[in-house]
Protein backbone atom coordinates (compact mmCIF):
# COMPACT_ATOMS: atom_id res chain seq x y z
CA MET A 1 -0.69 14.68 2.64
CA SER A 2 -0.96 12.71 -0.18
CA VAL A 3 -1.34 8.80 -0.98
CA ILE A 4 2.12 8.55 -1.78
CA GLU A 5 3.31 10.84 1.10
CA ALA A 6 0.87 8.24 3.59
CA ALA A 7 2.36 5.52 2.05
CA LEU A 8 6.27 6.34 2.80
CA SER A 9 5.13 7.65 6.10
CA ALA A 10 3.63 4.26 6.67
CA ILE A 11 7.01 2.67 5.64
CA ALA A 12 8.99 5.14 7.69
CA ASN A 13 6.90 4.32 10.83
CA GLY A 14 7.11 0.30 10.73
CA TYR A 15 3.91 -0.62 8.76
CA SER A 16 4.10 -2.95 5.21
CA VAL A 17 1.90 -1.32 2.10
CA VAL A 18 0.49 -2.39 -1.12
CA PRO A 19 -1.26 -0.86 -3.65
CA ILE A 20 -5.27 -1.34 -4.05
CA GLY A 21 -7.97 -0.70 -6.39
CA THR A 22 -8.64 3.25 -7.15
CA VAL A 23 -9.22 5.88 -4.83
CA LYS A 24 -12.30 6.59 -5.90
CA ALA A 25 -13.32 2.85 -5.91
CA SER A 26 -12.31 1.81 -1.83
CA ARG A 27 -13.93 5.26 -0.98
CA GLN A 28 -17.34 3.37 -2.17
CA GLY A 29 -16.73 0.19 -0.39
CA GLU A 30 -14.83 -1.48 -3.78
CA GLY A 31 -12.14 -1.70 -5.01
CA LYS A 32 -10.18 -3.32 -2.45
CA GLU A 33 -8.37 -6.13 -3.71
CA PRO A 34 -4.40 -5.89 -3.53
CA LEU A 35 -2.74 -5.25 -6.45
CA GLY A 36 -0.69 -8.38 -7.53
CA THR A 37 0.80 -10.84 -4.87
CA TRP A 38 1.35 -8.72 -1.48
CA LYS A 39 2.24 -11.84 0.84
CA GLN A 40 5.80 -10.97 0.67
CA TYR A 41 4.74 -7.66 2.33
CA GLN A 42 3.96 -9.55 5.40
CA THR A 43 6.96 -9.51 7.06
CA THR A 44 8.82 -7.56 4.69
CA PRO A 45 7.87 -3.90 3.31
CA PRO A 46 7.99 -2.48 -0.05
CA THR A 47 10.95 -0.10 -0.21
CA GLU A 48 10.22 3.37 -1.38
CA ALA A 49 11.94 2.79 -5.04
CA GLU A 50 8.78 -0.06 -5.00
CA VAL A 51 6.29 2.29 -3.72
CA ARG A 52 7.34 5.36 -6.13
CA GLN A 53 6.90 2.88 -9.26
CA TRP A 54 3.61 1.44 -7.86
CA LEU A 55 2.62 4.93 -8.19
CA GLU A 56 4.56 5.64 -10.79
CA GLN A 57 2.16 3.14 -13.19
CA HIS A 58 -0.24 2.89 -11.66
CA PRO A 59 -1.41 6.86 -10.07
CA GLU A 60 -4.70 5.93 -9.59
CA ARG A 61 -4.42 3.38 -6.64
CA GLY A 62 -4.83 3.71 -3.04
CA TYR A 63 -2.75 1.76 -0.57
CA ALA A 64 -3.89 -1.02 2.83
CA VAL A 65 -1.86 -1.54 5.34
CA CYS A 66 -0.68 -4.88 4.76
CA GLY A 67 -1.33 -7.21 8.23
CA GLY A 68 0.45 -10.54 9.33
CA PRO A 69 3.14 -11.61 11.82
CA GLY A 70 4.39 -8.39 13.87
CA GLN A 71 2.99 -5.94 11.43
CA ILE A 72 0.21 -3.86 13.54
CA GLU A 73 -0.43 -5.08 17.13
């Protein structure tokens, strides 16, 4: 499964995702900071179009599930 497929699958299953540091850096335990603001995604998941735009602009990025009230139980 590709990064974009995983991100879209998470959204389809009710989770919210945000882009983070590069996949390589994340695997090394670094670069897990979100790319840009993320607070809004604690309660409202990004649209498929937003996720696709993030990937087009930053194909080297990974994604993280954005936790918040009602997100992860």
